[in-house]
C-alpha atoms as a PDB file:
ATOM      1  CA  MET A   1       0.000   0.000   0.000  1.00  0.00           C
ATOM      2  CA  LEU A   2       2.821   2.398   0.892  1.00  0.00           C
ATOM      3  CA  LYS A   3       4.718   1.729  -2.349  1.00  0.00           C
ATOM      4  CA  TYR A   4       1.499   2.108  -4.326  1.00  0.00           C
ATOM      5  CA  SER A   5       0.732   5.451  -2.658  1.00  0.00           C
ATOM      6  CA  ILE A   6       4.267   6.776  -3.201  1.00  0.00           C
ATOM      7  CA  LYS A   7       4.196   5.802  -6.878  1.00  0.00           C
ATOM      8  CA  ARG A   8       0.790   7.424  -7.371  1.00  0.00           C
ATOM      9  CA  ILE A   9       2.017  10.593  -5.624  1.00  0.00           C
ATOM     10  CA  LEU A  10       5.015  10.764  -7.965  1.00  0.00           C
ATOM     11  CA  GLN A  11       2.777  10.157 -10.994  1.00  0.00           C
ATOM     12  CA  SER A  12       0.419  12.906  -9.828  1.00  0.00           C
ATOM     13  CA  ILE A  13       3.305  15.350  -9.358  1.00  0.00           C
ATOM     14  CA  VAL A  14       4.559  14.637 -12.892  1.00  0.00           C
ATOM     15  CA  THR A  15       1.015  15.095 -14.225  1.00  0.00           C
ATOM     16  CA  VAL A  16       0.683  18.411 -12.396  1.00  0.00           C
ATOM     17  CA  PHE A  17       3.920  19.660 -13.966  1.00  0.00           C
ATOM     18  CA  ILE A  18       2.748  18.577 -17.429  1.00  0.00           C
ATOM     19  CA  VAL A  19      -0.641  20.250 -16.991  1.00  0.00           C
ATOM     20  CA  ILE A  20       0.889  23.463 -15.633  1.00  0.00           C
ATOM     21  CA  THR A  21       3.347  23.593 -18.538  1.00  0.00           C
ATOM     22  CA  VAL A  22       0.642  22.974 -21.153  1.00  0.00           C
ATOM     23  CA  VAL A  23      -1.683  25.585 -19.607  1.00  0.00           C
ATOM     24  CA  PHE A  24       1.160  28.119 -19.480  1.00  0.00           C
ATOM     25  CA  LEU A  25       2.067  27.557 -23.124  1.00  0.00           C
ATOM     26  CA  LEU A  26      -1.573  27.684 -24.249  1.00  0.00           C
ATOM     27  CA  MET A  27      -2.069  30.960 -22.402  1.00  0.00           C
ATOM     28  CA  ARG A  28       0.846  32.374 -24.418  1.00  0.00           C
ATOM     29  CA  LEU A  29      -1.144  31.662 -27.587  1.00  0.00           C
ATOM     30  CA  LEU A  30      -3.909  34.047 -26.499  1.00  0.00           C
ATOM     31  CA  PRO A  31      -4.040  37.535 -28.053  1.00  0.00           C
ATOM     32  CA  VAL A  32      -1.619  39.903 -26.320  1.00  0.00           C
ATOM     33  CA  GLU A  33      -4.357  42.568 -26.126  1.00  0.00           C
ATOM     34  CA  GLY A  34      -5.380  40.980 -22.843  1.00  0.00           C
ATOM     35  CA  TYR A  35      -2.187  42.320 -21.279  1.00  0.00           C
ATOM     36  CA  TYR A  36      -2.823  45.917 -22.293  1.00  0.00           C
ATOM     37  CA  GLY A  37      -5.843  46.372 -20.056  1.00  0.00           C
ATOM     38  CA  GLU A  38      -8.846  48.566 -20.725  1.00  0.00           C
ATOM     39  CA  ARG A  39      -6.680  51.424 -22.043  1.00  0.00           C
ATOM     40  CA  ALA A  40      -5.367  49.421 -25.023  1.00  0.00           C
ATOM     41  CA  ASP A  41      -6.753  51.876 -27.618  1.00  0.00           C
ATOM     42  CA  LYS A  42      -4.891  54.795 -26.021  1.00  0.00           C
ATOM     43  CA  LEU A  43      -1.461  53.140 -25.862  1.00  0.00           C
ATOM     44  CA  THR A  44       1.339  53.813 -28.296  1.00  0.00           C
ATOM     45  CA  ASP A  45       3.376  51.013 -29.853  1.00  0.00           C
ATOM     46  CA  ALA A  46       6.255  51.830 -27.526  1.00  0.00           C
ATOM     47  CA  GLN A  47       3.993  51.597 -24.463  1.00  0.00           C
ATOM     48  CA  LYS A  48       2.562  48.284 -25.656  1.00  0.00           C
ATOM     49  CA  GLU A  49       6.061  46.903 -26.157  1.00  0.00           C
ATOM     50  CA  ALA A  50       7.036  48.076 -22.653  1.00  0.00           C
ATOM     51  CA  ILE A  51       4.035  46.260 -21.160  1.00  0.00           C
ATOM     52  CA  LEU A  52       4.899  43.040 -23.001  1.00  0.00           C
ATOM     53  CA  ARG A  53       8.505  43.338 -21.891  1.00  0.00           C
ATOM     54  CA  LYS A  54       7.352  43.904 -18.287  1.00  0.00           C
ATOM     55  CA  HIS A  55       5.427  40.626 -18.389  1.00  0.00           C
ATOM     56  CA  GLY A  56       8.362  38.862 -20.056  1.00  0.00           C
ATOM     57  CA  LEU A  57       6.334  38.063 -23.173  1.00  0.00           C
ATOM     58  CA  LEU A  58       9.126  39.142 -25.517  1.00  0.00           C
ATOM     59  CA  ASP A  59      11.477  36.481 -24.134  1.00  0.00           C
ATOM     60  CA  PRO A  60      11.742  33.010 -25.738  1.00  0.00           C
ATOM     61  CA  TRP A  61       9.079  30.600 -24.503  1.00  0.00           C
ATOM     62  CA  TYR A  62      11.549  28.459 -22.541  1.00  0.00           C
ATOM     63  CA  VAL A  63      12.834  31.540 -20.706  1.00  0.00           C
ATOM     64  CA  GLN A  64       9.244  32.544 -19.901  1.00  0.00           C
ATOM     65  CA  LEU A  65       8.536  29.022 -18.621  1.00  0.00           C
ATOM     66  CA  LYS A  66      11.660  29.045 -16.447  1.00  0.00           C
ATOM     67  CA  ASN A  67      10.733  32.442 -14.965  1.00  0.00           C
ATOM     68  CA  PHE A  68       7.166  31.261 -14.396  1.00  0.00           C
ATOM     69  CA  TYR A  69       8.245  28.187 -12.429  1.00  0.00           C
ATOM     70  CA  SER A  70      10.741  30.265 -10.487  1.00  0.00           C
ATOM     71  CA  SER A  71       7.933  32.625  -9.419  1.00  0.00           C
ATOM     72  CA  LEU A  72       5.510  29.757  -8.824  1.00  0.00           C
ATOM     73  CA  PHE A  73       7.832  28.040  -6.352  1.00  0.00           C
ATOM     74  CA  LYS A  74       7.971  31.327  -4.443  1.00  0.00           C
ATOM     75  CA  GLY A  75       4.161  31.459  -4.278  1.00  0.00           C
ATOM     76  CA  ASP A  76       3.962  34.296  -6.807  1.00  0.00           C
ATOM     77  CA  LEU A  77       1.181  33.885  -9.382  1.00  0.00           C
ATOM     78  CA  GLY A  78       1.715  37.325 -10.868  1.00  0.00           C
ATOM     79  CA  ASN A  79      -0.361  40.496 -10.696  1.00  0.00           C
ATOM     80  CA  SER A  80      -3.830  41.196 -12.023  1.00  0.00           C
ATOM     81  CA  ILE A  81      -3.907  43.256 -15.214  1.00  0.00           C
ATOM     82  CA  ILE A  82      -7.523  44.433 -15.415  1.00  0.00           C
ATOM     83  CA  TYR A  83      -9.677  43.028 -12.590  1.00  0.00           C
ATOM     84  CA  ARG A  84      -7.624  44.784  -9.878  1.00  0.00           C
ATOM     85  CA  ARG A  85      -4.710  46.337 -11.651  1.00  0.00           C
ATOM     86  CA  ASP A  86      -1.234  45.504 -10.284  1.00  0.00           C
ATOM     87  CA  VAL A  87      -2.697  43.688  -7.249  1.00  0.00           C
ATOM     88  CA  PRO A  88      -1.041  40.265  -6.619  1.00  0.00           C
ATOM     89  CA  VAL A  89      -3.221  37.365  -7.723  1.00  0.00           C
ATOM     90  CA  VAL A  90      -2.626  35.631  -4.379  1.00  0.00           C
ATOM     91  CA  ASP A  91      -4.141  38.605  -2.520  1.00  0.00           C
ATOM     92  CA  ILE A  92      -7.209  38.515  -4.790  1.00  0.00           C
ATOM     93  CA  LEU A  93      -7.751  34.774  -4.305  1.00  0.00           C
ATOM     94  CA  LYS A  94      -7.206  34.617  -0.538  1.00  0.00           C
ATOM     95  CA  PRO A  95     -10.690  35.868   0.472  1.00  0.00           C
ATOM     96  CA  LYS A  96     -12.381  33.857  -2.304  1.00  0.00           C
ATOM     97  CA  ILE A  97     -10.845  30.423  -1.720  1.00  0.00           C
ATOM     98  CA  PRO A  98     -12.762  29.752   1.557  1.00  0.00           C
ATOM     99  CA  TYR A  99     -16.105  30.296  -0.220  1.00  0.00           C
ATOM    100  CA  SER A 100     -15.285  27.925  -3.093  1.00  0.00           C
ATOM    101  CA  PHE A 101     -13.780  25.233  -0.875  1.00  0.00           C
ATOM    102  CA  GLY A 102     -16.532  25.572   1.722  1.00  0.00           C
ATOM    103  CA  PHE A 103     -19.332  25.160  -0.809  1.00  0.00           C
ATOM    104  CA  GLY A 104     -17.383  22.460  -2.662  1.00  0.00           C
ATOM    105  CA  ILE A 105     -16.784  20.295   0.404  1.00  0.00           C
ATOM    106  CA  ALA A 106     -20.333  20.782   1.710  1.00  0.00           C
ATOM    107  CA  SER A 107     -21.871  19.876  -1.650  1.00  0.00           C
ATOM    108  CA  LEU A 108     -19.565  16.852  -2.018  1.00  0.00           C
ATOM    109  CA  ILE A 109     -20.588  15.526   1.405  1.00  0.00           C
ATOM    110  CA  LEU A 110     -24.254  16.184   0.637  1.00  0.00           C
ATOM    111  CA  SER A 111     -24.011  14.432  -2.735  1.00  0.00           C
ATOM    112  CA  LEU A 112     -22.423  11.405  -1.045  1.00  0.00           C
ATOM    113  CA  ILE A 113     -25.132  11.196   1.606  1.00  0.00           C
ATOM    114  CA  ILE A 114     -28.029  11.688  -0.817  1.00  0.00           C
ATOM    115  CA  GLY A 115     -26.574   9.670  -3.689  1.00  0.00           C
ATOM    116  CA  LEU A 116     -25.486   6.623  -1.710  1.00  0.00           C
ATOM    117  CA  SER A 117     -28.730   6.527   0.296  1.00  0.00           C
ATOM    118  CA  MET A 118     -30.741   6.836  -2.892  1.00  0.00           C
ATOM    119  CA  GLY A 119     -28.712   4.137  -4.658  1.00  0.00           C
ATOM    120  CA  ILE A 120     -29.064   1.699  -1.747  1.00  0.00           C
ATOM    121  CA  HIS A 121     -32.819   2.290  -1.628  1.00  0.00           C
ATOM    122  CA  MET A 122     -33.098   1.804  -5.401  1.00  0.00           C
ATOM    123  CA  ALA A 123     -31.171  -1.482  -5.275  1.00  0.00           C
ATOM    124  CA  ARG A 124     -33.257  -2.842  -2.390  1.00  0.00           C
ATOM    125  CA  GLU A 125     -36.504  -1.839  -4.133  1.00  0.00           C
ATOM    126  CA  LYS A 126     -35.406  -2.873  -7.624  1.00  0.00           C
ATOM    127  CA  GLY A 127     -38.307  -2.602 -10.050  1.00  0.00           C
ATOM    128  CA  GLY A 128     -40.522  -0.996  -7.426  1.00  0.00           C
ATOM    129  CA  PHE A 129     -42.156   2.427  -7.269  1.00  0.00           C
ATOM    130  CA  TRP A 130     -39.290   4.298  -5.615  1.00  0.00           C
ATOM    131  CA  ASP A 131     -36.734   2.662  -7.865  1.00  0.00           C
ATOM    132  CA  ASN A 132     -38.605   4.077 -10.864  1.00  0.00           C
ATOM    133  CA  VAL A 133     -38.975   7.506  -9.232  1.00  0.00           C
ATOM    134  CA  TRP A 134     -35.283   7.849  -8.365  1.00  0.00           C
ATOM    135  CA  SER A 135     -34.265   6.417 -11.742  1.00  0.00           C
ATOM    136  CA  ALA A 136     -36.336   9.132 -13.405  1.00  0.00           C
ATOM    137  CA  PHE A 137     -34.523  11.720 -11.268  1.00  0.00           C
ATOM    138  CA  VAL A 138     -31.115  10.326 -12.312  1.00  0.00           C
ATOM    139  CA  VAL A 139     -32.104  10.328 -15.991  1.00  0.00           C
ATOM    140  CA  PHE A 140     -33.407  13.898 -15.716  1.00  0.00           C
ATOM    141  CA  ILE A 141     -30.218  15.214 -14.092  1.00  0.00           C
ATOM    142  CA  ASN A 142     -28.005  13.485 -16.661  1.00  0.00           C
ATOM    143  CA  ALA A 143     -30.135  14.332 -19.709  1.00  0.00           C
ATOM    144  CA  VAL A 144     -31.106  17.960 -19.063  1.00  0.00           C
ATOM    145  CA  PRO A 145     -28.365  20.618 -19.316  1.00  0.00           C
ATOM    146  CA  ALA A 146     -27.356  21.741 -15.828  1.00  0.00           C
ATOM    147  CA  ALA A 147     -27.876  25.409 -16.727  1.00  0.00           C
ATOM    148  CA  VAL A 148     -31.576  24.700 -17.365  1.00  0.00           C
ATOM    149  CA  TYR A 149     -32.534  22.980 -14.114  1.00  0.00           C
ATOM    150  CA  LEU A 150     -30.231  25.156 -11.996  1.00  0.00           C
ATOM    151  CA  LEU A 151     -31.892  28.280 -13.379  1.00  0.00           C
ATOM    152  CA  PHE A 152     -35.292  26.668 -12.760  1.00  0.00           C
ATOM    153  CA  ILE A 153     -34.314  26.008  -9.128  1.00  0.00           C
ATOM    154  CA  GLN A 154     -33.232  29.592  -8.636  1.00  0.00           C
ATOM    155  CA  MET A 155     -36.350  31.080 -10.244  1.00  0.00           C
ATOM    156  CA  TYR A 156     -39.120  28.835  -8.935  1.00  0.00           C
ATOM    157  CA  VAL A 157     -37.852  26.930  -5.882  1.00  0.00           C
ATOM    158  CA  THR A 158     -36.862  30.207  -4.233  1.00  0.00           C
ATOM    159  CA  SER A 159     -40.384  31.577  -4.684  1.00  0.00           C
ATOM    160  CA  ILE A 160     -41.983  28.369  -3.354  1.00  0.00           C
ATOM    161  CA  THR A 161     -39.678  27.888  -0.366  1.00  0.00           C
ATOM    162  CA  LYS A 162     -39.118  31.633   0.260  1.00  0.00           C
ATOM    163  CA  LEU A 163     -35.374  31.015   0.301  1.00  0.00           C
ATOM    164  CA  PRO A 164     -33.070  33.890  -0.745  1.00  0.00           C
ATOM    165  CA  ILE A 165     -32.473  34.095  -4.492  1.00  0.00           C
ATOM    166  CA  LEU A 166     -28.880  35.322  -4.017  1.00  0.00           C
ATOM    167  CA  PHE A 167     -26.101  34.491  -1.588  1.00  0.00           C
ATOM    168  CA  THR A 168     -25.597  36.876   1.339  1.00  0.00           C
ATOM    169  CA  LYS A 169     -22.623  36.607   3.660  1.00  0.00           C
ATOM    170  CA  GLY A 170     -23.768  35.877   7.225  1.00  0.00           C
ATOM    171  CA  ASN A 171     -27.243  34.745   6.141  1.00  0.00           C
ATOM    172  CA  PHE A 172     -26.879  30.978   6.470  1.00  0.00           C
ATOM    173  CA  VAL A 173     -30.276  30.350   4.864  1.00  0.00           C
ATOM    174  CA  SER A 174     -28.832  31.679   1.603  1.00  0.00           C
ATOM    175  CA  TYR A 175     -26.262  28.846   1.684  1.00  0.00           C
ATOM    176  CA  ILE A 176     -28.925  26.155   1.222  1.00  0.00           C
ATOM    177  CA  LEU A 177     -29.879  26.413  -2.459  1.00  0.00           C
ATOM    178  CA  PRO A 178     -26.338  26.858  -3.834  1.00  0.00           C
ATOM    179  CA  THR A 179     -25.120  23.841  -1.850  1.00  0.00           C
ATOM    180  CA  VAL A 180     -28.052  21.668  -2.919  1.00  0.00           C
ATOM    181  CA  SER A 181     -27.738  22.815  -6.533  1.00  0.00           C
ATOM    182  CA  MET A 182     -24.033  22.018  -6.568  1.00  0.00           C
ATOM    183  CA  SER A 183     -24.627  18.517  -5.177  1.00  0.00           C
ATOM    184  CA  LEU A 184     -27.306  17.362  -7.647  1.00  0.00           C
ATOM    185  CA  GLY A 185     -24.960  16.132 -10.382  1.00  0.00           C
ATOM    186  CA  GLY A 186     -22.796  14.167  -7.963  1.00  0.00           C
ATOM    187  CA  ALA A 187     -25.821  12.734  -6.119  1.00  0.00           C
ATOM    188  CA  ALA A 188     -27.330  11.447  -9.373  1.00  0.00           C
ATOM    189  CA  GLY A 189     -24.029   9.837 -10.340  1.00  0.00           C
ATOM    190  CA  TYR A 190     -23.516   8.174  -6.971  1.00  0.00           C
ATOM    191  CA  ALA A 191     -27.100   6.881  -6.971  1.00  0.00           C
ATOM    192  CA  MET A 192     -26.767   5.405 -10.452  1.00  0.00           C
ATOM    193  CA  TRP A 193     -23.468   3.637  -9.773  1.00  0.00           C
ATOM    194  CA  MET A 194     -24.411   2.459  -6.270  1.00  0.00           C
ATOM    195  CA  ARG A 195     -27.589   0.880  -7.609  1.00  0.00           C
ATOM    196  CA  ARG A 196     -25.712  -0.776 -10.448  1.00  0.00           C
ATOM    197  CA  TYR A 197     -22.973  -2.279  -8.277  1.00  0.00           C
ATOM    198  CA  MET A 198     -25.364  -3.410  -5.551  1.00  0.00           C
ATOM    199  CA  VAL A 199     -27.623  -5.132  -8.076  1.00  0.00           C
ATOM    200  CA  ASP A 200     -24.556  -6.849  -9.562  1.00  0.00           C
ATOM    201  CA  GLU A 201     -23.501  -8.062  -6.111  1.00  0.00           C
ATOM    202  CA  LEU A 202     -27.010  -9.289  -5.256  1.00  0.00           C
ATOM    203  CA  ASN A 203     -26.959 -11.583  -8.304  1.00  0.00           C
ATOM    204  CA  LYS A 204     -23.644 -13.254  -7.443  1.00  0.00           C
ATOM    205  CA  ASP A 205     -23.395 -16.840  -6.248  1.00  0.00           C
ATOM    206  CA  TYR A 206     -21.918 -16.081  -2.815  1.00  0.00           C
ATOM    207  CA  ILE A 207     -25.007 -13.979  -1.981  1.00  0.00           C
ATOM    208  CA  LYS A 208     -27.295 -16.826  -3.034  1.00  0.00           C
ATOM    209  CA  LEU A 209     -25.247 -19.190  -0.866  1.00  0.00           C
ATOM    210  CA  ALA A 210     -25.491 -16.832   2.119  1.00  0.00           C
ATOM    211  CA  ARG A 211     -29.275 -16.705   1.722  1.00  0.00           C
ATOM    212  CA  ALA A 212     -29.462 -20.470   1.370  1.00  0.00           C
ATOM    213  CA  LYS A 213     -27.595 -20.788   4.680  1.00  0.00           C
ATOM    214  CA  GLY A 214     -30.224 -18.618   6.335  1.00  0.00           C
ATOM    215  CA  MET A 215     -28.144 -15.475   6.802  1.00  0.00           C
ATOM    216  CA  PRO A 216     -30.441 -12.504   7.600  1.00  0.00           C
ATOM    217  CA  ASN A 217     -31.040 -10.171   4.658  1.00  0.00           C
ATOM    218  CA  LYS A 218     -29.869  -7.141   6.678  1.00  0.00           C
ATOM    219  CA  ASP A 219     -26.521  -8.803   7.423  1.00  0.00           C
ATOM    220  CA  ILE A 220     -26.128  -9.758   3.773  1.00  0.00           C
ATOM    221  CA  MET A 221     -26.751  -6.178   2.650  1.00  0.00           C
ATOM    222  CA  VAL A 222     -24.396  -4.587   5.184  1.00  0.00           C
ATOM    223  CA  SER A 223     -21.575  -7.133   5.438  1.00  0.00           C
ATOM    224  CA  HIS A 224     -21.365  -8.245   1.812  1.00  0.00           C
ATOM    225  CA  VAL A 225     -23.363  -6.284  -0.760  1.00  0.00           C
ATOM    226  CA  MET A 226     -22.760  -2.709   0.392  1.00  0.00           C
ATOM    227  CA  ARG A 227     -19.163  -3.354   1.438  1.00  0.00           C
ATOM    228  CA  ASN A 228     -18.192  -4.822  -1.931  1.00  0.00           C
ATOM    229  CA  ALA A 229     -20.196  -2.243  -3.872  1.00  0.00           C
ATOM    230  CA  PHE A 230     -18.185   0.568  -2.263  1.00  0.00           C
ATOM    231  CA  VAL A 231     -14.951  -0.672  -3.914  1.00  0.00           C
ATOM    232  CA  PRO A 232     -15.795   0.268  -7.531  1.00  0.00           C
ATOM    233  CA  MET A 233     -17.711   3.315  -6.247  1.00  0.00           C
ATOM    234  CA  ALA A 234     -14.379   4.872  -5.282  1.00  0.00           C
ATOM    235  CA  GLN A 235     -13.665   5.208  -8.996  1.00  0.00           C
ATOM    236  CA  TYR A 236     -16.484   7.720  -9.281  1.00  0.00           C
ATOM    237  CA  LEU A 237     -14.970  10.123  -6.753  1.00  0.00           C
ATOM    238  CA  PRO A 238     -12.680  11.881  -9.279  1.00  0.00           C
ATOM    239  CA  SER A 239     -15.637  12.494 -11.585  1.00  0.00           C
ATOM    240  CA  SER A 240     -17.628  13.802  -8.633  1.00  0.00           C
ATOM    241  CA  VAL A 241     -14.814  16.206  -7.726  1.00  0.00           C
ATOM    242  CA  LEU A 242     -14.655  17.432 -11.321  1.00  0.00           C
ATOM    243  CA  LEU A 243     -18.453  17.810 -11.444  1.00  0.00           C
ATOM    244  CA  THR A 244     -18.314  19.864  -8.259  1.00  0.00           C
ATOM    245  CA  ILE A 245     -15.568  22.057  -9.729  1.00  0.00           C
ATOM    246  CA  SER A 246     -17.347  22.643 -13.033  1.00  0.00           C
ATOM    247  CA  GLY A 247     -20.687  23.145 -11.296  1.00  0.00           C
ATOM    248  CA  SER A 248     -19.247  25.688  -8.890  1.00  0.00           C
ATOM    249  CA  ILE A 249     -18.084  27.885 -11.780  1.00  0.00           C
ATOM    250  CA  TYR A 250     -21.668  28.374 -12.991  1.00  0.00           C
ATOM    251  CA  ILE A 251     -23.432  28.251  -9.622  1.00  0.00           C
ATOM    252  CA  GLU A 252     -21.155  30.793  -7.952  1.00  0.00           C
ATOM    253  CA  SER A 253     -21.860  33.183 -10.801  1.00  0.00           C
ATOM    254  CA  LEU A 254     -25.592  32.388 -10.680  1.00  0.00           C
ATOM    255  CA  TYR A 255     -25.961  33.034  -6.947  1.00  0.00           C
ATOM    256  CA  SER A 256     -23.388  35.868  -6.780  1.00  0.00           C
ATOM    257  CA  ILE A 257     -21.090  33.897  -4.478  1.00  0.00           C
ATOM    258  CA  PRO A 258     -17.757  35.736  -4.126  1.00  0.00           C
ATOM    259  CA  GLY A 259     -15.712  32.609  -4.845  1.00  0.00           C
ATOM    260  CA  MET A 260     -13.237  31.513  -7.495  1.00  0.00           C
ATOM    261  CA  GLY A 261     -15.883  30.163  -9.881  1.00  0.00           C
ATOM    262  CA  GLY A 262     -17.662  33.465 -10.368  1.00  0.00           C
ATOM    263  CA  LEU A 263     -14.280  35.203 -10.541  1.00  0.00           C
ATOM    264  CA  LEU A 264     -13.161  32.933 -13.386  1.00  0.00           C
ATOM    265  CA  VAL A 265     -16.205  33.855 -15.478  1.00  0.00           C
ATOM    266  CA  ASP A 266     -15.586  37.545 -14.787  1.00  0.00           C
ATOM    267  CA  VAL A 267     -11.860  37.594 -15.620  1.00  0.00           C
ATOM    268  CA  ILE A 268     -12.380  35.584 -18.822  1.00  0.00           C
ATOM    269  CA  GLN A 269     -14.839  38.211 -19.990  1.00  0.00           C
ATOM    270  CA  ARG A 270     -12.378  40.975 -19.072  1.00  0.00           C
ATOM    271  CA  GLN A 271      -9.410  39.126 -20.626  1.00  0.00           C
ATOM    272  CA  ASP A 272      -7.336  39.350 -17.457  1.00  0.00           C
ATOM    273  CA  ASN A 273      -4.905  36.682 -18.662  1.00  0.00           C
ATOM    274  CA  THR A 274      -2.828  36.456 -15.481  1.00  0.00           C
ATOM    275  CA  LEU A 275      -5.862  35.730 -13.302  1.00  0.00           C
ATOM    276  CA  VAL A 276      -7.304  33.322 -15.865  1.00  0.00           C
ATOM    277  CA  GLN A 277      -4.023  31.412 -15.900  1.00  0.00           C
ATOM    278  CA  ALA A 278      -3.885  31.192 -12.098  1.00  0.00           C
ATOM    279  CA  LEU A 279      -7.484  29.980 -11.775  1.00  0.00           C
ATOM    280  CA  VAL A 280      -7.156  27.402 -14.559  1.00  0.00           C
ATOM    281  CA  LEU A 281      -4.040  26.038 -12.868  1.00  0.00           C
ATOM    282  CA  ILE A 282      -5.830  25.776  -9.513  1.00  0.00           C
ATOM    283  CA  TYR A 283      -8.809  23.942 -11.007  1.00  0.00           C
ATOM    284  CA  SER A 284      -6.483  21.634 -12.969  1.00  0.00           C
ATOM    285  CA  VAL A 285      -4.564  20.701  -9.820  1.00  0.00           C
ATOM    286  CA  LEU A 286      -7.850  20.030  -8.005  1.00  0.00           C
ATOM    287  CA  GLY A 287      -8.923  17.692 -10.802  1.00  0.00           C
ATOM    288  CA  ILE A 288      -5.633  15.779 -10.639  1.00  0.00           C
ATOM    289  CA  PHE A 289      -5.947  15.570  -6.849  1.00  0.00           C
ATOM    290  CA  GLY A 290      -9.409  14.034  -7.312  1.00  0.00           C
ATOM    291  CA  LEU A 291      -7.963  11.350  -9.606  1.00  0.00           C
ATOM    292  CA  PHE A 292      -5.194  10.628  -7.114  1.00  0.00           C
ATOM    293  CA  LEU A 293      -7.662  10.377  -4.233  1.00  0.00           C
ATOM    294  CA  GLY A 294      -9.832   7.986  -6.227  1.00  0.00           C
ATOM    295  CA  ASP A 295      -6.872   5.667  -6.859  1.00  0.00           C
ATOM    296  CA  ILE A 296      -5.827   5.705  -3.207  1.00  0.00           C
ATOM    297  CA  LEU A 297      -9.364   4.937  -2.043  1.00  0.00           C
ATOM    298  CA  MET A 298      -9.522   2.032  -4.491  1.00  0.00           C
ATOM    299  CA  ALA A 299      -6.327   0.644  -2.946  1.00  0.00           C
ATOM    300  CA  VAL A 300      -7.686   1.149   0.589  1.00  0.00           C
ATOM    301  CA  PHE A 301     -11.018  -0.557  -0.118  1.00  0.00           C
ATOM    302  CA  ASP A 302      -9.580  -3.343  -2.290  1.00  0.00           C
ATOM    303  CA  PRO A 303      -6.314  -4.857  -0.940  1.00  0.00           C
ATOM    304  CA  ARG A 304      -5.886  -6.783  -4.215  1.00  0.00           C
ATOM    305  CA  ILE A 305      -4.849  -3.550  -5.962  1.00  0.00           C
ATOM    306  CA  ARG A 306      -1.070  -3.230  -5.996  1.00  0.00           C
ATOM    307  CA  LEU A 307       1.448  -1.819  -8.428  1.00  0.00           C
ATOM    308  CA  GLU A 308       4.151  -4.239  -7.352  1.00  0.00           C
ATOM    309  CA  LYS A 309       3.865  -7.928  -8.175  1.00  0.00           C
ATOM    310  CA  GLU A 310       4.179 -10.604  -5.526  1.00  0.00           C
ATOM    311  CA  GLY A 311       4.119 -14.048  -7.066  1.00  0.00           C
ATOM    312  CA  GLY A 312       0.973 -14.253  -9.147  1.00  0.00           C
ATOM    313  CA  ALA A 313      -0.802 -11.442  -7.303  1.00  0.00           C
ATOM    314  CA  ARG A 314      -1.522  -8.097  -8.907  1.00  0.00           C
END
């Protein structure tokens, strides 16, 4: 387990470096007008060249990459160009990170609780009324574009429940709808996969043998079916993390949450390339971390998973 974890950590670090390098190089392919700010039309050619030189954009790409990594290791992500001119990106992100991480973690926990409970109920009531109801919910969430049902929730659920339509700091009631909205995609995914794996386990021979021996159905569900169904479920965690990340970008903007998601939409529109680069890197690293966590959980839940070979074992 230790060797497996160390190897996966090293693989994740290499992947992070590759992603950061690719994102950096792709950002250098964007139009340079994004570095001139809102006063681009009033700048002379000499002033534009001075701005590009200030950002190191006139250097060869490998020199730019070297300087970027040198600054990155010092915790310097550069300064904002338009959003808050000449203010360090780190200072802009500091007050916003707690909102994004807070909503992200809360929605992930909620999606796990709702999704797994729903999937277990669906598997136990296979073919029944509630199985059909929850299956319809899963199909709806996966088939309908998220922007449609999230906007519907904000417009109509707020009027029915009298919940605030926008997020307000300090008003904890306004946290409810954004958190629930952010958890819907993950909950539907967990429910679908939990049902599938539990149904597969219920049809296996060792379950039939346990029933034939008179083992109580509750013990079978808890000790065998659910326990074994959790192993492949760990594979879905990375996708759930990525769904939470992508969902937060739209939902934070929709509910006016002062987090990184809404900021990313804003700075893309304003062409603040330095902030866009920093935010894309952060979200990329979070996605890679989700993949790493999924692999580690698979190894924890299933001791058969190893990278090193011992005899005929895997």
